[in-house]
Amino acid sequence: MTSVAVNEKEHSVPVVVYVLPDGERRKVEAVDGRSVMQTAIDALVPGIVGECGGEMSCATCHVFVDEDWAGRFAPVSEDEAAMLEATAAEPTEFSRLSCQLPCTLETDGVVIHIPDEQ
């Protein structure tokens, strides 16, 4: 008798786990290549405003990438670092603008913490 291994994580779309300020977790399926910000807005996840529509000019999509996932995205650019200085919530080493974070199968399952204020 032969057995077939099944990859339980195998699926065709990336998933983002948003953690709201009250601790509620929301799992959202994303379109590959779409930003963490736009995915949240499309799914009506509260707390990510994205006033500029992802043009990196408002910092209202500030999030904290879970420590275990922080190294999976490209480093913060100079422009993003400058915008992170203008966030309503105090930035940390895990702060990112969610408009700069693409959803991909490589980031499938990423945990994103939403700050108390934008």
PDB file of N, CA and C in Angstrom:
ATOM      1  N   MET A   1       0.852  -1.176   0.000  1.00  0.00           N
ATOM      2  CA  MET A   1       0.000   0.000   0.000  1.00  0.00           C
ATOM      3  C   MET A   1       0.893   1.234   0.000  1.00  0.00           C
ATOM      4  N   THR A   2       0.606   2.173  -0.894  1.00  0.00           N
ATOM      5  CA  THR A   2       1.383   3.401  -0.945  1.00  0.00           C
ATOM      6  C   THR A   2       0.570   4.531  -0.347  1.00  0.00           C
ATOM      7  N   SER A   3       1.267   5.476   0.224  1.00  0.00           N
ATOM      8  CA  SER A   3       0.576   6.643   0.769  1.00  0.00           C
ATOM      9  C   SER A   3       0.985   7.867  -0.010  1.00  0.00           C
ATOM     10  N   VAL A   4       0.099   8.799  -0.081  1.00  0.00           N
ATOM     11  CA  VAL A   4       0.349  10.047  -0.790  1.00  0.00           C
ATOM     12  C   VAL A   4       0.368  11.170   0.224  1.00  0.00           C
ATOM     13  N   ALA A   5       1.469  11.901   0.261  1.00  0.00           N
ATOM     14  CA  ALA A   5       1.558  13.040   1.171  1.00  0.00           C
ATOM     15  C   ALA A   5       0.735  14.187   0.615  1.00  0.00           C
ATOM     16  N   VAL A   6      -0.008  14.803   1.458  1.00  0.00           N
ATOM     17  CA  VAL A   6      -0.831  15.941   1.057  1.00  0.00           C
ATOM     18  C   VAL A   6      -0.327  17.172   1.788  1.00  0.00           C
ATOM     19  N   ASN A   7      -0.027  18.199   1.019  1.00  0.00           N
ATOM     20  CA  ASN A   7       0.409  19.460   1.602  1.00  0.00           C
ATOM     21  C   ASN A   7      -0.837  20.224   2.031  1.00  0.00           C
ATOM     22  N   GLU A   8      -1.069  20.316   3.328  1.00  0.00           N
ATOM     23  CA  GLU A   8      -2.277  20.968   3.834  1.00  0.00           C
ATOM     24  C   GLU A   8      -2.309  22.456   3.524  1.00  0.00           C
ATOM     25  N   LYS A   9      -1.134  23.074   3.330  1.00  0.00           N
ATOM     26  CA  LYS A   9      -1.096  24.512   3.040  1.00  0.00           C
ATOM     27  C   LYS A   9      -1.254  24.812   1.559  1.00  0.00           C
ATOM     28  N   GLU A  10      -1.265  23.776   0.745  1.00  0.00           N
ATOM     29  CA  GLU A  10      -1.297  23.988  -0.696  1.00  0.00           C
ATOM     30  C   GLU A  10      -2.639  24.575  -1.133  1.00  0.00           C
ATOM     31  N   HIS A  11      -2.600  25.748  -1.651  1.00  0.00           N
ATOM     32  CA  HIS A  11      -3.756  26.400  -2.238  1.00  0.00           C
ATOM     33  C   HIS A  11      -3.236  27.461  -3.192  1.00  0.00           C
ATOM     34  N   SER A  12      -4.120  28.000  -3.974  1.00  0.00           N
ATOM     35  CA  SER A  12      -3.661  28.844  -5.075  1.00  0.00           C
ATOM     36  C   SER A  12      -3.665  30.340  -4.782  1.00  0.00           C
ATOM     37  N   VAL A  13      -4.118  30.732  -3.619  1.00  0.00           N
ATOM     38  CA  VAL A  13      -4.129  32.162  -3.293  1.00  0.00           C
ATOM     39  C   VAL A  13      -3.474  32.393  -1.936  1.00  0.00           C
ATOM     40  N   PRO A  14      -2.756  33.506  -1.814  1.00  0.00           N
ATOM     41  CA  PRO A  14      -2.165  33.814  -0.513  1.00  0.00           C
ATOM     42  C   PRO A  14      -3.234  34.257   0.491  1.00  0.00           C
ATOM     43  N   VAL A  15      -2.957  33.996   1.748  1.00  0.00           N
ATOM     44  CA  VAL A  15      -3.851  34.392   2.830  1.00  0.00           C
ATOM     45  C   VAL A  15      -3.100  35.365   3.733  1.00  0.00           C
ATOM     46  N   VAL A  16      -3.810  36.407   4.166  1.00  0.00           N
ATOM     47  CA  VAL A  16      -3.264  37.370   5.123  1.00  0.00           C
ATOM     48  C   VAL A  16      -4.094  37.247   6.398  1.00  0.00           C
ATOM     49  N   VAL A  17      -3.424  37.199   7.542  1.00  0.00           N
ATOM     50  CA  VAL A  17      -4.107  37.170   8.833  1.00  0.00           C
ATOM     51  C   VAL A  17      -3.935  38.549   9.461  1.00  0.00           C
ATOM     52  N   TYR A  18      -5.041  39.265   9.570  1.00  0.00           N
ATOM     53  CA  TYR A  18      -5.035  40.595  10.185  1.00  0.00           C
ATOM     54  C   TYR A  18      -5.419  40.444  11.649  1.00  0.00           C
ATOM     55  N   VAL A  19      -4.640  41.065  12.531  1.00  0.00           N
ATOM     56  CA  VAL A  19      -4.947  41.060  13.960  1.00  0.00           C
ATOM     57  C   VAL A  19      -5.383  42.473  14.316  1.00  0.00           C
ATOM     58  N   LEU A  20      -6.654  42.614  14.681  1.00  0.00           N
ATOM     59  CA  LEU A  20      -7.214  43.914  15.040  1.00  0.00           C
ATOM     60  C   LEU A  20      -6.716  44.328  16.421  1.00  0.00           C
ATOM     61  N   PRO A  21      -6.817  45.618  16.756  1.00  0.00           N
ATOM     62  CA  PRO A  21      -6.323  46.089  18.058  1.00  0.00           C
ATOM     63  C   PRO A  21      -6.925  45.352  19.260  1.00  0.00           C
ATOM     64  N   ASP A  22      -8.164  44.836  19.110  1.00  0.00           N
ATOM     65  CA  ASP A  22      -8.799  44.111  20.222  1.00  0.00           C
ATOM     66  C   ASP A  22      -8.404  42.637  20.264  1.00  0.00           C
ATOM     67  N   GLY A  23      -7.523  42.210  19.353  1.00  0.00           N
ATOM     68  CA  GLY A  23      -7.061  40.829  19.326  1.00  0.00           C
ATOM     69  C   GLY A  23      -7.808  39.925  18.357  1.00  0.00           C
ATOM     70  N   GLU A  24      -8.915  40.408  17.798  1.00  0.00           N
ATOM     71  CA  GLU A  24      -9.657  39.608  16.825  1.00  0.00           C
ATOM     72  C   GLU A  24      -8.769  39.346  15.615  1.00  0.00           C
ATOM     73  N   ARG A  25      -8.807  38.112  15.124  1.00  0.00           N
ATOM     74  CA  ARG A  25      -8.014  37.724  13.957  1.00  0.00           C
ATOM     75  C   ARG A  25      -8.955  37.509  12.778  1.00  0.00           C
ATOM     76  N   ARG A  26      -8.593  38.063  11.624  1.00  0.00           N
ATOM     77  CA  ARG A  26      -9.373  37.884  10.396  1.00  0.00           C
ATOM     78  C   ARG A  26      -8.472  37.333   9.308  1.00  0.00           C
ATOM     79  N   LYS A  27      -8.816  36.171   8.795  1.00  0.00           N
ATOM     80  CA  LYS A  27      -8.076  35.565   7.680  1.00  0.00           C
ATOM     81  C   LYS A  27      -8.743  35.990   6.393  1.00  0.00           C
ATOM     82  N   VAL A  28      -7.950  36.537   5.487  1.00  0.00           N
ATOM     83  CA  VAL A  28      -8.480  37.052   4.229  1.00  0.00           C
ATOM     84  C   VAL A  28      -7.667  36.472   3.068  1.00  0.00           C
ATOM     85  N   GLU A  29      -8.363  35.940   2.076  1.00  0.00           N
ATOM     86  CA  GLU A  29      -7.689  35.489   0.859  1.00  0.00           C
ATOM     87  C   GLU A  29      -7.363  36.711   0.016  1.00  0.00           C
ATOM     88  N   ALA A  30      -6.164  36.714  -0.537  1.00  0.00           N
ATOM     89  CA  ALA A  30      -5.687  37.862  -1.314  1.00  0.00           C
ATOM     90  C   ALA A  30      -5.462  37.464  -2.769  1.00  0.00           C
ATOM     91  N   VAL A  31      -5.475  38.452  -3.621  1.00  0.00           N
ATOM     92  CA  VAL A  31      -5.079  38.258  -5.010  1.00  0.00           C
ATOM     93  C   VAL A  31      -3.557  38.338  -5.044  1.00  0.00           C
ATOM     94  N   ASP A  32      -2.925  37.364  -5.682  1.00  0.00           N
ATOM     95  CA  ASP A  32      -1.469  37.340  -5.767  1.00  0.00           C
ATOM     96  C   ASP A  32      -0.962  38.650  -6.375  1.00  0.00           C
ATOM     97  N   GLY A  33      -0.056  39.319  -5.657  1.00  0.00           N
ATOM     98  CA  GLY A  33       0.527  40.574  -6.130  1.00  0.00           C
ATOM     99  C   GLY A  33      -0.180  41.819  -5.616  1.00  0.00           C
ATOM    100  N   ARG A  34      -1.396  41.680  -5.099  1.00  0.00           N
ATOM    101  CA  ARG A  34      -2.128  42.825  -4.552  1.00  0.00           C
ATOM    102  C   ARG A  34      -1.511  43.178  -3.200  1.00  0.00           C
ATOM    103  N   SER A  35      -1.590  44.420  -2.801  1.00  0.00           N
ATOM    104  CA  SER A  35      -0.966  44.833  -1.540  1.00  0.00           C
ATOM    105  C   SER A  35      -1.781  44.389  -0.331  1.00  0.00           C
ATOM    106  N   VAL A  36      -1.087  44.300   0.801  1.00  0.00           N
ATOM    107  CA  VAL A  36      -1.738  43.998   2.078  1.00  0.00           C
ATOM    108  C   VAL A  36      -2.800  45.067   2.369  1.00  0.00           C
ATOM    109  N   MET A  37      -2.517  46.328   2.007  1.00  0.00           N
ATOM    110  CA  MET A  37      -3.475  47.419   2.209  1.00  0.00           C
ATOM    111  C   MET A  37      -4.732  47.209   1.386  1.00  0.00           C
ATOM    112  N   GLN A  38      -4.578  46.992   0.083  1.00  0.00           N
ATOM    113  CA  GLN A  38      -5.743  46.862  -0.779  1.00  0.00           C
ATOM    114  C   GLN A  38      -6.547  45.615  -0.435  1.00  0.00           C
ATOM    115  N   THR A  39      -5.870  44.561  -0.038  1.00  0.00           N
ATOM    116  CA  THR A  39      -6.561  43.341   0.386  1.00  0.00           C
ATOM    117  C   THR A  39      -7.441  43.622   1.599  1.00  0.00           C
ATOM    118  N   ALA A  40      -6.915  44.388   2.561  1.00  0.00           N
ATOM    119  CA  ALA A  40      -7.693  44.742   3.755  1.00  0.00           C
ATOM    120  C   ALA A  40      -8.892  45.612   3.386  1.00  0.00           C
ATOM    121  N   ILE A  41      -8.672  46.592   2.534  1.00  0.00           N
ATOM    122  CA  ILE A  41      -9.767  47.490   2.127  1.00  0.00           C
ATOM    123  C   ILE A  41     -10.842  46.702   1.388  1.00  0.00           C
ATOM    124  N   ASP A  42     -10.436  45.835   0.471  1.00  0.00           N
ATOM    125  CA  ASP A  42     -11.398  45.027  -0.288  1.00  0.00           C
ATOM    126  C   ASP A  42     -12.242  44.143   0.631  1.00  0.00           C
ATOM    127  N   ALA A  43     -11.637  43.655   1.711  1.00  0.00           N
ATOM    128  CA  ALA A  43     -12.321  42.751   2.638  1.00  0.00           C
ATOM    129  C   ALA A  43     -12.978  43.483   3.807  1.00  0.00           C
ATOM    130  N   LEU A  44     -12.961  44.821   3.760  1.00  0.00           N
ATOM    131  CA  LEU A  44     -13.570  45.647   4.815  1.00  0.00           C
ATOM    132  C   LEU A  44     -12.968  45.377   6.191  1.00  0.00           C
ATOM    133  N   VAL A  45     -11.654  45.142   6.226  1.00  0.00           N
ATOM    134  CA  VAL A  45     -10.960  44.986   7.498  1.00  0.00           C
ATOM    135  C   VAL A  45     -10.796  46.377   8.100  1.00  0.00           C
ATOM    136  N   PRO A  46     -11.314  46.606   9.302  1.00  0.00           N
ATOM    137  CA  PRO A  46     -11.209  47.951   9.887  1.00  0.00           C
ATOM    138  C   PRO A  46      -9.794  48.278  10.338  1.00  0.00           C
ATOM    139  N   GLY A  47      -9.470  49.570  10.294  1.00  0.00           N
ATOM    140  CA  GLY A  47      -8.202  50.042  10.835  1.00  0.00           C
ATOM    141  C   GLY A  47      -7.139  50.364   9.811  1.00  0.00           C
ATOM    142  N   ILE A  48      -7.325  49.943   8.580  1.00  0.00           N
ATOM    143  CA  ILE A  48      -6.398  50.312   7.508  1.00  0.00           C
ATOM    144  C   ILE A  48      -7.160  51.234   6.580  1.00  0.00           C
ATOM    145  N   VAL A  49      -6.760  52.505   6.574  1.00  0.00           N
ATOM    146  CA  VAL A  49      -7.515  53.533   5.864  1.00  0.00           C
ATOM    147  C   VAL A  49      -7.055  53.666   4.415  1.00  0.00           C
ATOM    148  N   GLY A  50      -5.795  53.872   4.207  1.00  0.00           N
ATOM    149  CA  GLY A  50      -5.254  54.002   2.855  1.00  0.00           C
ATOM    150  C   GLY A  50      -5.809  55.196   2.107  1.00  0.00           C
ATOM    151  N   GLU A  51      -5.803  56.357   2.747  1.00  0.00           N
ATOM    152  CA  GLU A  51      -6.374  57.575   2.145  1.00  0.00           C
ATOM    153  C   GLU A  51      -5.789  57.918   0.783  1.00  0.00           C
ATOM    154  N   CYS A  52      -4.512  57.640   0.574  1.00  0.00           N
ATOM    155  CA  CYS A  52      -3.861  58.024  -0.684  1.00  0.00           C
ATOM    156  C   CYS A  52      -4.007  56.957  -1.770  1.00  0.00           C
ATOM    157  N   GLY A  53      -4.665  55.857  -1.443  1.00  0.00           N
ATOM    158  CA  GLY A  53      -4.868  54.812  -2.429  1.00  0.00           C
ATOM    159  C   GLY A  53      -3.628  53.986  -2.728  1.00  0.00           C
ATOM    160  N   GLY A  54      -2.658  54.041  -1.857  1.00  0.00           N
ATOM    161  CA  GLY A  54      -1.455  53.244  -2.049  1.00  0.00           C
ATOM    162  C   GLY A  54      -0.314  53.980  -2.713  1.00  0.00           C
ATOM    163  N   GLU A  55      -0.377  55.301  -2.732  1.00  0.00           N
ATOM    164  CA  GLU A  55       0.673  56.109  -3.366  1.00  0.00           C
ATOM    165  C   GLU A  55       1.806  56.461  -2.404  1.00  0.00           C
ATOM    166  N   MET A  56       1.765  55.924  -1.189  1.00  0.00           N
ATOM    167  CA  MET A  56       2.782  56.164  -0.161  1.00  0.00           C
ATOM    168  C   MET A  56       2.937  57.655   0.158  1.00  0.00           C
ATOM    169  N   SER A  57       1.774  58.297   0.366  1.00  0.00           N
ATOM    170  CA  SER A  57       1.839  59.720   0.692  1.00  0.00           C
ATOM    171  C   SER A  57       0.983  60.102   1.897  1.00  0.00           C
ATOM    172  N   CYS A  58       0.507  59.113   2.673  1.00  0.00           N
ATOM    173  CA  CYS A  58      -0.360  59.495   3.797  1.00  0.00           C
ATOM    174  C   CYS A  58      -0.071  58.742   5.095  1.00  0.00           C
ATOM    175  N   ALA A  59       0.510  57.565   5.043  1.00  0.00           N
ATOM    176  CA  ALA A  59       0.826  56.733   6.222  1.00  0.00           C
ATOM    177  C   ALA A  59      -0.409  56.236   6.968  1.00  0.00           C
ATOM    178  N   THR A  60      -1.587  56.249   6.329  1.00  0.00           N
ATOM    179  CA  THR A  60      -2.797  55.743   6.989  1.00  0.00           C
ATOM    180  C   THR A  60      -3.016  54.253   6.723  1.00  0.00           C
ATOM    181  N   CYS A  61      -1.970  53.590   6.257  1.00  0.00           N
ATOM    182  CA  CYS A  61      -2.022  52.133   6.087  1.00  0.00           C
ATOM    183  C   CYS A  61      -0.924  51.479   6.921  1.00  0.00           C
ATOM    184  N   HIS A  62      -0.468  52.203   7.935  1.00  0.00           N
ATOM    185  CA  HIS A  62       0.590  51.721   8.825  1.00  0.00           C
ATOM    186  C   HIS A  62       0.142  50.442   9.523  1.00  0.00           C
ATOM    187  N   VAL A  63       1.014  49.445   9.524  1.00  0.00           N
ATOM    188  CA  VAL A  63       0.763  48.186  10.228  1.00  0.00           C
ATOM    189  C   VAL A  63       2.060  47.727  10.885  1.00  0.00           C
ATOM    190  N   PHE A  64       1.929  46.705  11.721  1.00  0.00           N
ATOM    191  CA  PHE A  64       3.083  46.047  12.320  1.00  0.00           C
ATOM    192  C   PHE A  64       3.118  44.623  11.771  1.00  0.00           C
ATOM    193  N   VAL A  65       4.167  44.290  11.057  1.00  0.00           N
ATOM    194  CA  VAL A  65       4.326  42.927  10.551  1.00  0.00           C
ATOM    195  C   VAL A  65       4.771  42.065  11.722  1.00  0.00           C
ATOM    196  N   ASP A  66       4.110  40.931  11.905  1.00  0.00           N
ATOM    197  CA  ASP A  66       4.486  40.030  12.984  1.00  0.00           C
ATOM    198  C   ASP A  66       5.971  39.709  12.899  1.00  0.00           C
ATOM    199  N   GLU A  67       6.625  39.664  14.022  1.00  0.00           N
ATOM    200  CA  GLU A  67       8.073  39.472  14.086  1.00  0.00           C
ATOM    201  C   GLU A  67       8.538  38.266  13.268  1.00  0.00           C
ATOM    202  N   ASP A  68       7.780  37.174  13.303  1.00  0.00           N
ATOM    203  CA  ASP A  68       8.169  35.969  12.575  1.00  0.00           C
ATOM    204  C   ASP A  68       8.143  36.158  11.057  1.00  0.00           C
ATOM    205  N   TRP A  69       7.466  37.195  10.579  1.00  0.00           N
ATOM    206  CA  TRP A  69       7.301  37.427   9.142  1.00  0.00           C
ATOM    207  C   TRP A  69       8.087  38.638   8.641  1.00  0.00           C
ATOM    208  N   ALA A  70       8.680  39.373   9.508  1.00  0.00           N
ATOM    209  CA  ALA A  70       9.299  40.656   9.153  1.00  0.00           C
ATOM    210  C   ALA A  70      10.338  40.547   8.043  1.00  0.00           C
ATOM    211  N   GLY A  71      11.100  39.493   8.003  1.00  0.00           N
ATOM    212  CA  GLY A  71      12.154  39.355   7.010  1.00  0.00           C
ATOM    213  C   GLY A  71      11.702  38.839   5.657  1.00  0.00           C
ATOM    214  N   ARG A  72      10.413  38.579   5.497  1.00  0.00           N
ATOM    215  CA  ARG A  72       9.924  37.999   4.241  1.00  0.00           C
ATOM    216  C   ARG A  72       9.617  39.042   3.167  1.00  0.00           C
ATOM    217  N   PHE A  73       9.616  40.297   3.539  1.00  0.00           N
ATOM    218  CA  PHE A  73       9.331  41.371   2.592  1.00  0.00           C
ATOM    219  C   PHE A  73      10.620  42.121   2.273  1.00  0.00           C
ATOM    220  N   ALA A  74      10.607  42.847   1.165  1.00  0.00           N
ATOM    221  CA  ALA A  74      11.750  43.695   0.814  1.00  0.00           C
ATOM    222  C   ALA A  74      11.981  44.698   1.948  1.00  0.00           C
ATOM    223  N   PRO A  75      13.215  45.137   2.121  1.00  0.00           N
ATOM    224  CA  PRO A  75      13.492  46.122   3.176  1.00  0.00           C
ATOM    225  C   PRO A  75      12.729  47.431   2.955  1.00  0.00           C
ATOM    226  N   VAL A  76      12.587  48.180   4.029  1.00  0.00           N
ATOM    227  CA  VAL A  76      11.934  49.487   3.977  1.00  0.00           C
ATOM    228  C   VAL A  76      12.776  50.426   3.112  1.00  0.00           C
ATOM    229  N   SER A  77      12.128  51.095   2.161  1.00  0.00           N
ATOM    230  CA  SER A  77      12.834  52.067   1.324  1.00  0.00           C
ATOM    231  C   SER A  77      13.006  53.378   2.092  1.00  0.00           C
ATOM    232  N   GLU A  78      13.831  54.258   1.565  1.00  0.00           N
ATOM    233  CA  GLU A  78      14.013  55.574   2.196  1.00  0.00           C
ATOM    234  C   GLU A  78      12.695  56.340   2.242  1.00  0.00           C
ATOM    235  N   ASP A  79      11.930  56.296   1.150  1.00  0.00           N
ATOM    236  CA  ASP A  79      10.644  57.003   1.110  1.00  0.00           C
ATOM    237  C   ASP A  79       9.662  56.437   2.130  1.00  0.00           C
ATOM    238  N   GLU A  80       9.620  55.106   2.238  1.00  0.00           N
ATOM    239  CA  GLU A  80       8.724  54.496   3.222  1.00  0.00           C
ATOM    240  C   GLU A  80       9.162  54.857   4.631  1.00  0.00           C
ATOM    241  N   ALA A  81      10.456  54.836   4.891  1.00  0.00           N
ATOM    242  CA  ALA A  81      10.974  55.194   6.217  1.00  0.00           C
ATOM    243  C   ALA A  81      10.572  56.622   6.585  1.00  0.00           C
ATOM    244  N   ALA A  82      10.633  57.522   5.620  1.00  0.00           N
ATOM    245  CA  ALA A  82      10.230  58.914   5.880  1.00  0.00           C
ATOM    246  C   ALA A  82       8.750  58.999   6.216  1.00  0.00           C
ATOM    247  N   MET A  83       7.912  58.236   5.501  1.00  0.00           N
ATOM    248  CA  MET A  83       6.471  58.254   5.779  1.00  0.00           C
ATOM    249  C   MET A  83       6.162  57.614   7.133  1.00  0.00           C
ATOM    250  N   LEU A  84       6.925  56.610   7.529  1.00  0.00           N
ATOM    251  CA  LEU A  84       6.687  55.961   8.817  1.00  0.00           C
ATOM    252  C   LEU A  84       6.932  56.913   9.983  1.00  0.00           C
ATOM    253  N   GLU A  85       7.678  57.974   9.745  1.00  0.00           N
ATOM    254  CA  GLU A  85       7.886  58.983  10.793  1.00  0.00           C
ATOM    255  C   GLU A  85       6.632  59.801  11.048  1.00  0.00           C
ATOM    256  N   ALA A  86       5.649  59.715  10.144  1.00  0.00           N
ATOM    257  CA  ALA A  86       4.424  60.516  10.260  1.00  0.00           C
ATOM    258  C   ALA A  86       3.210  59.694  10.700  1.00  0.00           C
ATOM    259  N   THR A  87       3.427  58.484  11.197  1.00  0.00           N
ATOM    260  CA  THR A  87       2.289  57.651  11.589  1.00  0.00           C
ATOM    261  C   THR A  87       1.685  58.132  12.900  1.00  0.00           C
ATOM    262  N   ALA A  88       0.370  57.872  13.051  1.00  0.00           N
ATOM    263  CA  ALA A  88      -0.330  58.258  14.282  1.00  0.00           C
ATOM    264  C   ALA A  88       0.128  57.382  15.444  1.00  0.00           C
ATOM    265  N   ALA A  89       0.258  56.079  15.203  1.00  0.00           N
ATOM    266  CA  ALA A  89       0.751  55.163  16.233  1.00  0.00           C
ATOM    267  C   ALA A  89       2.280  55.157  16.176  1.00  0.00           C
ATOM    268  N   GLU A  90       2.894  55.063  17.316  1.00  0.00           N
ATOM    269  CA  GLU A  90       4.354  55.062  17.395  1.00  0.00           C
ATOM    270  C   GLU A  90       4.926  53.908  16.566  1.00  0.00           C
ATOM    271  N   PRO A  91       5.807  54.198  15.621  1.00  0.00           N
ATOM    272  CA  PRO A  91       6.387  53.116  14.813  1.00  0.00           C
ATOM    273  C   PRO A  91       7.387  52.285  15.618  1.00  0.00           C
ATOM    274  N   THR A  92       7.535  51.038  15.188  1.00  0.00           N
ATOM    275  CA  THR A  92       8.503  50.129  15.794  1.00  0.00           C
ATOM    276  C   THR A  92       9.376  49.554  14.686  1.00  0.00           C
ATOM    277  N   GLU A  93      10.270  48.680  15.030  1.00  0.00           N
ATOM    278  CA  GLU A  93      11.110  48.038  14.013  1.00  0.00           C
ATOM    279  C   GLU A  93      10.293  47.149  13.080  1.00  0.00           C
ATOM    280  N   PHE A  94       9.051  46.839  13.451  1.00  0.00           N
ATOM    281  CA  PHE A  94       8.187  45.988  12.633  1.00  0.00           C
ATOM    282  C   PHE A  94       7.139  46.796  11.871  1.00  0.00           C
ATOM    283  N   SER A  95       7.238  48.116  11.933  1.00  0.00           N
ATOM    284  CA  SER A  95       6.300  48.990  11.233  1.00  0.00           C
ATOM    285  C   SER A  95       6.551  48.958   9.734  1.00  0.00           C
ATOM    286  N   ARG A  96       5.459  48.932   8.990  1.00  0.00           N
ATOM    287  CA  ARG A  96       5.514  49.018   7.536  1.00  0.00           C
ATOM    288  C   ARG A  96       4.264  49.735   7.054  1.00  0.00           C
ATOM    289  N   LEU A  97       4.350  50.273   5.843  1.00  0.00           N
ATOM    290  CA  LEU A  97       3.159  50.780   5.178  1.00  0.00           C
ATOM    291  C   LEU A  97       2.609  49.602   4.391  1.00  0.00           C
ATOM    292  N   SER A  98       1.366  49.233   4.667  1.00  0.00           N
ATOM    293  CA  SER A  98       0.827  48.015   4.056  1.00  0.00           C
ATOM    294  C   SER A  98       0.648  48.144   2.552  1.00  0.00           C
ATOM    295  N   CYS A  99       0.675  49.373   2.022  1.00  0.00           N
ATOM    296  CA  CYS A  99       0.620  49.555   0.566  1.00  0.00           C
ATOM    297  C   CYS A  99       1.910  49.100  -0.101  1.00  0.00           C
ATOM    298  N   GLN A 100       2.962  48.910   0.678  1.00  0.00           N
ATOM    299  CA  GLN A 100       4.261  48.509   0.147  1.00  0.00           C
ATOM    300  C   GLN A 100       4.540  47.024   0.328  1.00  0.00           C
ATOM    301  N   LEU A 101       3.531  46.286   0.806  1.00  0.00           N
ATOM    302  CA  LEU A 101       3.706  44.863   1.080  1.00  0.00           C
ATOM    303  C   LEU A 101       2.861  44.037   0.125  1.00  0.00           C
ATOM    304  N   PRO A 102       3.482  43.393  -0.854  1.00  0.00           N
ATOM    305  CA  PRO A 102       2.708  42.577  -1.790  1.00  0.00           C
ATOM    306  C   PRO A 102       2.323  41.226  -1.185  1.00  0.00           C
ATOM    307  N   CYS A 103       1.125  40.787  -1.477  1.00  0.00           N
ATOM    308  CA  CYS A 103       0.670  39.458  -1.079  1.00  0.00           C
ATOM    309  C   CYS A 103       1.128  38.468  -2.146  1.00  0.00           C
ATOM    310  N   THR A 104       1.865  37.468  -1.740  1.00  0.00           N
ATOM    311  CA  THR A 104       2.344  36.443  -2.672  1.00  0.00           C
ATOM    312  C   THR A 104       2.230  35.090  -1.984  1.00  0.00           C
ATOM    313  N   LEU A 105       2.416  34.027  -2.741  1.00  0.00           N
ATOM    314  CA  LEU A 105       2.408  32.705  -2.118  1.00  0.00           C
ATOM    315  C   LEU A 105       3.572  32.560  -1.140  1.00  0.00           C
ATOM    316  N   GLU A 106       4.645  33.323  -1.339  1.00  0.00           N
ATOM    317  CA  GLU A 106       5.779  33.290  -0.405  1.00  0.00           C
ATOM    318  C   GLU A 106       5.419  33.938   0.933  1.00  0.00           C
ATOM    319  N   THR A 107       4.435  34.812   0.939  1.00  0.00           N
ATOM    320  CA  THR A 107       4.018  35.453   2.189  1.00  0.00           C
ATOM    321  C   THR A 107       2.676  34.891   2.667  1.00  0.00           C
ATOM    322  N   ASP A 108       2.273  33.766   2.109  1.00  0.00           N
ATOM    323  CA  ASP A 108       1.019  33.123   2.500  1.00  0.00           C
ATOM    324  C   ASP A 108       1.000  32.858   3.999  1.00  0.00           C
ATOM    325  N   GLY A 109      -0.027  33.359   4.672  1.00  0.00           N
ATOM    326  CA  GLY A 109      -0.164  33.177   6.112  1.00  0.00           C
ATOM    327  C   GLY A 109       0.411  34.308   6.941  1.00  0.00           C
ATOM    328  N   VAL A 110       0.938  35.340   6.283  1.00  0.00           N
ATOM    329  CA  VAL A 110       1.550  36.457   6.999  1.00  0.00           C
ATOM    330  C   VAL A 110       0.568  37.026   8.031  1.00  0.00           C
ATOM    331  N   VAL A 111       1.120  37.387   9.187  1.00  0.00           N
ATOM    332  CA  VAL A 111       0.318  37.966  10.273  1.00  0.00           C
ATOM    333  C   VAL A 111       0.634  39.454  10.338  1.00  0.00           C
ATOM    334  N   ILE A 112      -0.424  40.259  10.222  1.00  0.00           N
ATOM    335  CA  ILE A 112      -0.319  41.717  10.197  1.00  0.00           C
ATOM    336  C   ILE A 112      -1.109  42.288  11.367  1.00  0.00           C
ATOM    337  N   HIS A 113      -0.451  43.034  12.227  1.00  0.00           N
ATOM    338  CA  HIS A 113      -1.116  43.661  13.373  1.00  0.00           C
ATOM    339  C   HIS A 113      -1.496  45.098  13.010  1.00  0.00           C
ATOM    340  N   ILE A 114      -2.738  45.440  13.254  1.00  0.00           N
ATOM    341  CA  ILE A 114      -3.252  46.777  12.935  1.00  0.00           C
ATOM    342  C   ILE A 114      -3.162  47.646  14.189  1.00  0.00           C
ATOM    343  N   PRO A 115      -2.589  48.841  14.061  1.00  0.00           N
ATOM    344  CA  PRO A 115      -2.462  49.709  15.243  1.00  0.00           C
ATOM    345  C   PRO A 115      -3.807  50.264  15.713  1.00  0.00           C
ATOM    346  N   ASP A 116      -3.811  50.804  16.924  1.00  0.00           N
ATOM    347  CA  ASP A 116      -5.032  51.395  17.500  1.00  0.00           C
ATOM    348  C   ASP A 116      -5.541  52.590  16.735  1.00  0.00           C
ATOM    349  N   GLU A 117      -4.629  53.329  16.091  1.00  0.00           N
ATOM    350  CA  GLU A 117      -5.029  54.536  15.375  1.00  0.00           C
ATOM    351  C   GLU A 117      -4.214  54.685  14.112  1.00  0.00           C
ATOM    352  N   GLN A 118      -4.774  55.437  13.150  1.00  0.00           N
ATOM    353  CA  GLN A 118      -4.078  55.703  11.886  1.00  0.00           C
ATOM    354  C   GLN A 118      -3.873  57.185  11.735  1.00  0.00           C
TER     355      GLN A 118
END
